[in-house]
Amino acid sequence: MTEASDDVLVGSNVQKFRTARGMSQADLAEAISRSGEQFHQQTILKIEKGTRPLKYLEAHRICAALRVGLADLLEKEARASADAGILEHTTKLSDLSVDIDELSVRLADQLVALADAVAIAGKDASPYLVTNDGAGPGLGFLRTNWGDELNERLFDALSRHDRVAELPADWGNTSAEVLERIAGQDWDSNGQDDDRPS
């Protein structure tokens, strides 16, 4: 490889990892600038095009901002694309995890408010809203195991997903089992699924 082609490869990989993180060039420049010397969006553009070589310390700062290793910047195109795909999905899942945390706080607030309302209503509460067997929405919500409920809903959505629908029914009884089977299904040494046509 020539120095120029190395610059193009590094630039292409910076772009792949930046995009996978959901960052604009301006976002990346700002993140890098927070750690030291001022960096501009135009500099990121030139690095990604391969028209400006990346300095060693700049590479470290870019890697820190993107949360990738220095060696990742020199990966071949196919490997970098595969890694960027994993990075993109894990970034989105991290964002969803934050959403779940925020939703958990809102859910907790509503459940406490409902419990207070049930306590205030006491025996005078409508039998439709609060029943001893939990059939009414009042105690039904208070008695819900939200972890199990989320797992059931996730497994139901997963089982209807196009990618999972094509799999044998005995591939797992939980979301984790099915997903682990998909992630590890008969991969050969080249990372190809042996069951799929090349």
C-alpha atoms as a PDB file:
ATOM      1  CA  MET A   1       0.000   0.000   0.000  1.00  0.00           C
ATOM      2  CA  THR A   2       1.141   3.532  -0.698  1.00  0.00           C
ATOM      3  CA  GLU A   3       0.965   6.326   1.826  1.00  0.00           C
ATOM      4  CA  ALA A   4      -1.862   7.952  -0.162  1.00  0.00           C
ATOM      5  CA  SER A   5      -3.901   4.739  -0.233  1.00  0.00           C
ATOM      6  CA  ASP A   6      -3.317   4.370   3.530  1.00  0.00           C
ATOM      7  CA  ASP A   7      -4.738   7.873   4.015  1.00  0.00           C
ATOM      8  CA  VAL A   8      -7.798   6.945   1.938  1.00  0.00           C
ATOM      9  CA  LEU A   9      -8.306   3.718   3.924  1.00  0.00           C
ATOM     10  CA  VAL A  10      -7.952   5.484   7.281  1.00  0.00           C
ATOM     11  CA  GLY A  11     -10.269   8.276   6.146  1.00  0.00           C
ATOM     12  CA  SER A  12     -12.860   5.809   4.905  1.00  0.00           C
ATOM     13  CA  ASN A  13     -12.735   3.939   8.214  1.00  0.00           C
ATOM     14  CA  VAL A  14     -13.060   7.154  10.234  1.00  0.00           C
ATOM     15  CA  GLN A  15     -16.174   7.925   8.197  1.00  0.00           C
ATOM     16  CA  LYS A  16     -17.604   4.409   8.719  1.00  0.00           C
ATOM     17  CA  PHE A  17     -17.090   4.497  12.494  1.00  0.00           C
ATOM     18  CA  ARG A  18     -18.306   8.100  12.796  1.00  0.00           C
ATOM     19  CA  THR A  19     -21.480   7.291  10.874  1.00  0.00           C
ATOM     20  CA  ALA A  20     -22.002   4.118  12.913  1.00  0.00           C
ATOM     21  CA  ARG A  21     -21.848   6.223  16.092  1.00  0.00           C
ATOM     22  CA  GLY A  22     -24.516   8.509  14.643  1.00  0.00           C
ATOM     23  CA  MET A  23     -22.172  11.497  14.654  1.00  0.00           C
ATOM     24  CA  SER A  24     -21.891  14.242  12.063  1.00  0.00           C
ATOM     25  CA  GLN A  25     -18.474  15.541  11.065  1.00  0.00           C
ATOM     26  CA  ALA A  26     -19.188  18.607  13.216  1.00  0.00           C
ATOM     27  CA  ASP A  27     -20.086  16.351  16.184  1.00  0.00           C
ATOM     28  CA  LEU A  28     -16.792  14.500  15.837  1.00  0.00           C
ATOM     29  CA  ALA A  29     -14.796  17.725  15.503  1.00  0.00           C
ATOM     30  CA  GLU A  30     -16.469  19.072  18.645  1.00  0.00           C
ATOM     31  CA  ALA A  31     -15.792  15.850  20.593  1.00  0.00           C
ATOM     32  CA  ILE A  32     -12.129  15.929  19.578  1.00  0.00           C
ATOM     33  CA  SER A  33     -11.841  19.636  20.442  1.00  0.00           C
ATOM     34  CA  ARG A  34     -13.062  18.953  23.993  1.00  0.00           C
ATOM     35  CA  SER A  35      -9.947  16.848  24.566  1.00  0.00           C
ATOM     36  CA  GLY A  36      -7.418  19.476  23.537  1.00  0.00           C
ATOM     37  CA  GLU A  37      -6.502  21.348  20.364  1.00  0.00           C
ATOM     38  CA  GLN A  38      -9.341  22.900  18.333  1.00  0.00           C
ATOM     39  CA  PHE A  39     -10.522  20.620  15.511  1.00  0.00           C
ATOM     40  CA  HIS A  40     -12.792  21.733  12.654  1.00  0.00           C
ATOM     41  CA  GLN A  41     -15.430  19.946  10.595  1.00  0.00           C
ATOM     42  CA  GLN A  42     -13.483  20.768   7.425  1.00  0.00           C
ATOM     43  CA  THR A  43     -10.478  18.885   8.834  1.00  0.00           C
ATOM     44  CA  ILE A  44     -12.657  15.804   9.409  1.00  0.00           C
ATOM     45  CA  LEU A  45     -13.955  16.128   5.837  1.00  0.00           C
ATOM     46  CA  LYS A  46     -10.403  16.195   4.428  1.00  0.00           C
ATOM     47  CA  ILE A  47      -9.288  13.252   6.595  1.00  0.00           C
ATOM     48  CA  GLU A  48     -12.308  11.189   5.515  1.00  0.00           C
ATOM     49  CA  LYS A  49     -11.623  11.946   1.839  1.00  0.00           C
ATOM     50  CA  GLY A  50      -8.008  10.883   2.334  1.00  0.00           C
ATOM     51  CA  THR A  51      -6.692  14.255   1.172  1.00  0.00           C
ATOM     52  CA  ARG A  52      -5.197  15.123   4.557  1.00  0.00           C
ATOM     53  CA  PRO A  53      -2.998  12.648   6.411  1.00  0.00           C
ATOM     54  CA  LEU A  54      -4.011  11.883   9.966  1.00  0.00           C
ATOM     55  CA  LYS A  55      -1.379  12.679  12.567  1.00  0.00           C
ATOM     56  CA  TYR A  56      -0.670  10.121  15.284  1.00  0.00           C
ATOM     57  CA  LEU A  57      -2.017  12.185  18.205  1.00  0.00           C
ATOM     58  CA  GLU A  58      -5.063  13.169  16.135  1.00  0.00           C
ATOM     59  CA  ALA A  59      -5.712   9.490  15.453  1.00  0.00           C
ATOM     60  CA  HIS A  60      -5.674   8.796  19.199  1.00  0.00           C
ATOM     61  CA  ARG A  61      -8.134  11.611  19.836  1.00  0.00           C
ATOM     62  CA  ILE A  62     -10.420  10.456  17.020  1.00  0.00           C
ATOM     63  CA  CYS A  63     -10.331   6.883  18.325  1.00  0.00           C
ATOM     64  CA  ALA A  64     -11.146   8.086  21.834  1.00  0.00           C
ATOM     65  CA  ALA A  65     -14.102  10.124  20.539  1.00  0.00           C
ATOM     66  CA  LEU A  66     -15.393   7.193  18.440  1.00  0.00           C
ATOM     67  CA  ARG A  67     -14.528   4.616  21.135  1.00  0.00           C
ATOM     68  CA  VAL A  68     -12.610   2.396  18.704  1.00  0.00           C
ATOM     69  CA  GLY A  69      -9.046   1.118  18.742  1.00  0.00           C
ATOM     70  CA  LEU A  70      -6.190   2.652  16.795  1.00  0.00           C
ATOM     71  CA  ALA A  71      -5.771  -0.577  14.791  1.00  0.00           C
ATOM     72  CA  ASP A  72      -9.430  -0.318  13.692  1.00  0.00           C
ATOM     73  CA  LEU A  73      -8.516   2.662  11.512  1.00  0.00           C
ATOM     74  CA  LEU A  74      -6.272   0.432   9.376  1.00  0.00           C
ATOM     75  CA  GLU A  75      -8.724  -2.443   8.920  1.00  0.00           C
ATOM     76  CA  LYS A  76      -9.501  -3.639   5.411  1.00  0.00           C
ATOM     77  CA  GLU A  77     -12.768  -2.340   3.954  1.00  0.00           C
ATOM     78  CA  ALA A  78     -14.864  -5.483   4.528  1.00  0.00           C
ATOM     79  CA  ARG A  79     -13.722  -5.916   8.158  1.00  0.00           C
ATOM     80  CA  ALA A  80     -14.199  -2.207   8.919  1.00  0.00           C
ATOM     81  CA  SER A  81     -17.691  -2.286   7.404  1.00  0.00           C
ATOM     82  CA  ALA A  82     -18.626  -5.342   9.482  1.00  0.00           C
ATOM     83  CA  ASP A  83     -17.243  -3.737  12.651  1.00  0.00           C
ATOM     84  CA  ALA A  84     -19.017  -0.465  11.860  1.00  0.00           C
ATOM     85  CA  GLY A  85     -22.283  -2.404  11.483  1.00  0.00           C
ATOM     86  CA  ILE A  86     -21.839  -3.928  14.932  1.00  0.00           C
ATOM     87  CA  LEU A  87     -20.902  -0.520  16.321  1.00  0.00           C
ATOM     88  CA  GLU A  88     -23.996   1.072  14.771  1.00  0.00           C
ATOM     89  CA  HIS A  89     -26.343  -1.491  16.306  1.00  0.00           C
ATOM     90  CA  THR A  90     -24.710  -1.424  19.729  1.00  0.00           C
ATOM     91  CA  THR A  91     -24.895   2.390  19.698  1.00  0.00           C
ATOM     92  CA  LYS A  92     -28.622   2.254  18.882  1.00  0.00           C
ATOM     93  CA  LEU A  93     -29.165  -0.377  21.580  1.00  0.00           C
ATOM     94  CA  SER A  94     -27.333   1.828  24.087  1.00  0.00           C
ATOM     95  CA  ASP A  95     -29.678   4.669  23.165  1.00  0.00           C
ATOM     96  CA  LEU A  96     -32.689   2.377  23.594  1.00  0.00           C
ATOM     97  CA  SER A  97     -31.342   1.298  26.972  1.00  0.00           C
ATOM     98  CA  VAL A  98     -31.366   4.952  28.042  1.00  0.00           C
ATOM     99  CA  ASP A  99     -34.957   5.200  26.757  1.00  0.00           C
ATOM    100  CA  ILE A 100     -35.881   2.145  28.839  1.00  0.00           C
ATOM    101  CA  ASP A 101     -34.298   3.738  31.910  1.00  0.00           C
ATOM    102  CA  GLU A 102     -36.312   6.918  31.339  1.00  0.00           C
ATOM    103  CA  LEU A 103     -39.473   4.908  30.733  1.00  0.00           C
ATOM    104  CA  SER A 104     -38.825   2.952  33.955  1.00  0.00           C
ATOM    105  CA  VAL A 105     -38.774   6.214  35.911  1.00  0.00           C
ATOM    106  CA  ARG A 106     -42.054   7.335  34.287  1.00  0.00           C
ATOM    107  CA  LEU A 107     -43.585   3.913  34.925  1.00  0.00           C
ATOM    108  CA  ALA A 108     -42.494   3.988  38.573  1.00  0.00           C
ATOM    109  CA  ASP A 109     -44.023   7.461  39.006  1.00  0.00           C
ATOM    110  CA  GLN A 110     -47.343   6.311  37.544  1.00  0.00           C
ATOM    111  CA  LEU A 111     -47.411   3.091  39.571  1.00  0.00           C
ATOM    112  CA  VAL A 112     -46.788   4.977  42.825  1.00  0.00           C
ATOM    113  CA  ALA A 113     -49.478   7.514  41.869  1.00  0.00           C
ATOM    114  CA  LEU A 114     -51.900   4.666  41.104  1.00  0.00           C
ATOM    115  CA  ALA A 115     -51.078   2.931  44.405  1.00  0.00           C
ATOM    116  CA  ASP A 116     -51.728   6.221  46.243  1.00  0.00           C
ATOM    117  CA  ALA A 117     -55.034   6.667  44.373  1.00  0.00           C
ATOM    118  CA  VAL A 118     -56.098   3.109  45.257  1.00  0.00           C
ATOM    119  CA  ALA A 119     -55.178   3.737  48.901  1.00  0.00           C
ATOM    120  CA  ILE A 120     -57.176   6.971  48.980  1.00  0.00           C
ATOM    121  CA  ALA A 121     -60.229   5.360  47.327  1.00  0.00           C
ATOM    122  CA  GLY A 122     -60.026   2.400  49.707  1.00  0.00           C
ATOM    123  CA  LYS A 123     -63.126   0.259  49.913  1.00  0.00           C
ATOM    124  CA  ASP A 124     -65.176   2.903  48.134  1.00  0.00           C
ATOM    125  CA  ALA A 125     -63.287   2.338  44.854  1.00  0.00           C
ATOM    126  CA  SER A 126     -65.290   1.067  41.918  1.00  0.00           C
ATOM    127  CA  PRO A 127     -65.157  -2.745  41.655  1.00  0.00           C
ATOM    128  CA  TYR A 128     -64.258  -2.288  37.983  1.00  0.00           C
ATOM    129  CA  LEU A 129     -61.119  -0.331  38.842  1.00  0.00           C
ATOM    130  CA  VAL A 130     -59.969  -2.321  41.863  1.00  0.00           C
ATOM    131  CA  THR A 131     -60.914  -5.973  42.177  1.00  0.00           C
ATOM    132  CA  ASN A 132     -59.580  -8.472  44.674  1.00  0.00           C
ATOM    133  CA  ASP A 133     -58.558 -10.899  41.931  1.00  0.00           C
ATOM    134  CA  GLY A 134     -56.571  -8.240  40.069  1.00  0.00           C
ATOM    135  CA  ALA A 135     -58.893  -8.345  37.052  1.00  0.00           C
ATOM    136  CA  GLY A 136     -59.481  -4.605  37.139  1.00  0.00           C
ATOM    137  CA  PRO A 137     -56.819  -2.304  35.695  1.00  0.00           C
ATOM    138  CA  GLY A 138     -56.073  -0.782  39.111  1.00  0.00           C
ATOM    139  CA  LEU A 139     -54.590  -3.747  40.957  1.00  0.00           C
ATOM    140  CA  GLY A 140     -53.757  -5.476  37.683  1.00  0.00           C
ATOM    141  CA  PHE A 141     -51.161  -2.805  36.876  1.00  0.00           C
ATOM    142  CA  LEU A 142     -49.870  -2.813  40.442  1.00  0.00           C
ATOM    143  CA  ARG A 143     -49.403  -6.589  40.361  1.00  0.00           C
ATOM    144  CA  THR A 144     -47.769  -6.762  36.931  1.00  0.00           C
ATOM    145  CA  ASN A 145     -44.251  -8.191  36.822  1.00  0.00           C
ATOM    146  CA  TRP A 146     -42.882  -5.608  34.404  1.00  0.00           C
ATOM    147  CA  GLY A 147     -39.650  -7.510  33.724  1.00  0.00           C
ATOM    148  CA  ASP A 148     -41.576 -10.605  32.636  1.00  0.00           C
ATOM    149  CA  GLU A 149     -44.011  -8.421  30.689  1.00  0.00           C
ATOM    150  CA  LEU A 150     -41.184  -6.740  28.777  1.00  0.00           C
ATOM    151  CA  ASN A 151     -39.512 -10.098  28.074  1.00  0.00           C
ATOM    152  CA  GLU A 152     -42.785 -11.562  26.762  1.00  0.00           C
ATOM    153  CA  ARG A 153     -43.423  -8.560  24.530  1.00  0.00           C
ATOM    154  CA  LEU A 154     -39.837  -8.629  23.246  1.00  0.00           C
ATOM    155  CA  PHE A 155     -40.019 -12.361  22.494  1.00  0.00           C
ATOM    156  CA  ASP A 156     -43.369 -11.884  20.710  1.00  0.00           C
ATOM    157  CA  ALA A 157     -41.962  -9.046  18.562  1.00  0.00           C
ATOM    158  CA  LEU A 158     -38.791 -11.026  17.903  1.00  0.00           C
ATOM    159  CA  SER A 159     -40.708 -14.134  16.816  1.00  0.00           C
ATOM    160  CA  ARG A 160     -42.587 -12.053  14.211  1.00  0.00           C
ATOM    161  CA  HIS A 161     -39.355 -10.503  12.853  1.00  0.00           C
ATOM    162  CA  ASP A 162     -38.628 -11.578   9.259  1.00  0.00           C
ATOM    163  CA  ARG A 163     -35.142 -12.843  10.118  1.00  0.00           C
ATOM    164  CA  VAL A 164     -36.421 -15.000  12.987  1.00  0.00           C
ATOM    165  CA  ALA A 165     -39.559 -16.254  11.225  1.00  0.00           C
ATOM    166  CA  GLU A 166     -37.369 -18.222   8.771  1.00  0.00           C
ATOM    167  CA  LEU A 167     -35.690 -20.152  11.612  1.00  0.00           C
ATOM    168  CA  PRO A 168     -36.818 -23.525  12.982  1.00  0.00           C
ATOM    169  CA  ALA A 169     -39.355 -23.255  15.826  1.00  0.00           C
ATOM    170  CA  ASP A 170     -37.053 -25.097  18.236  1.00  0.00           C
ATOM    171  CA  TRP A 171     -34.360 -22.425  18.118  1.00  0.00           C
ATOM    172  CA  GLY A 172     -35.126 -21.157  21.605  1.00  0.00           C
ATOM    173  CA  ASN A 173     -37.711 -20.313  24.196  1.00  0.00           C
ATOM    174  CA  THR A 174     -36.327 -16.911  25.126  1.00  0.00           C
ATOM    175  CA  SER A 175     -35.152 -13.881  23.188  1.00  0.00           C
ATOM    176  CA  ALA A 176     -31.603 -14.432  24.437  1.00  0.00           C
ATOM    177  CA  GLU A 177     -31.543 -18.065  23.233  1.00  0.00           C
ATOM    178  CA  VAL A 178     -32.824 -17.165  19.763  1.00  0.00           C
ATOM    179  CA  LEU A 179     -30.460 -14.208  19.366  1.00  0.00           C
ATOM    180  CA  GLU A 180     -27.452 -16.196  20.584  1.00  0.00           C
ATOM    181  CA  ARG A 181     -28.279 -18.938  18.092  1.00  0.00           C
ATOM    182  CA  ILE A 182     -28.506 -16.377  15.267  1.00  0.00           C
ATOM    183  CA  ALA A 183     -25.227 -14.729  16.317  1.00  0.00           C
ATOM    184  CA  GLY A 184     -23.367 -18.045  16.533  1.00  0.00           C
ATOM    185  CA  GLN A 185     -25.037 -20.136  13.873  1.00  0.00           C
ATOM    186  CA  ASP A 186     -22.522 -22.278  12.054  1.00  0.00           C
ATOM    187  CA  TRP A 187     -20.112 -19.475  11.176  1.00  0.00           C
ATOM    188  CA  ASP A 188     -17.112 -20.682   9.229  1.00  0.00           C
ATOM    189  CA  SER A 189     -13.618 -19.243   9.595  1.00  0.00           C
ATOM    190  CA  ASN A 190     -14.416 -16.486   7.052  1.00  0.00           C
ATOM    191  CA  GLY A 191     -17.387 -15.241   9.059  1.00  0.00           C
ATOM    192  CA  GLN A 192     -19.888 -16.632   6.568  1.00  0.00           C
ATOM    193  CA  ASP A 193     -23.045 -18.473   7.571  1.00  0.00           C
ATOM    194  CA  ASP A 194     -22.523 -22.031   6.274  1.00  0.00           C
ATOM    195  CA  ASP A 195     -26.293 -22.431   5.826  1.00  0.00           C
ATOM    196  CA  ARG A 196     -26.635 -19.487   3.448  1.00  0.00           C
ATOM    197  CA  PRO A 197     -25.684 -19.381  -0.219  1.00  0.00           C
ATOM    198  CA  SER A 198     -22.459 -17.462  -0.995  1.00  0.00           C
END
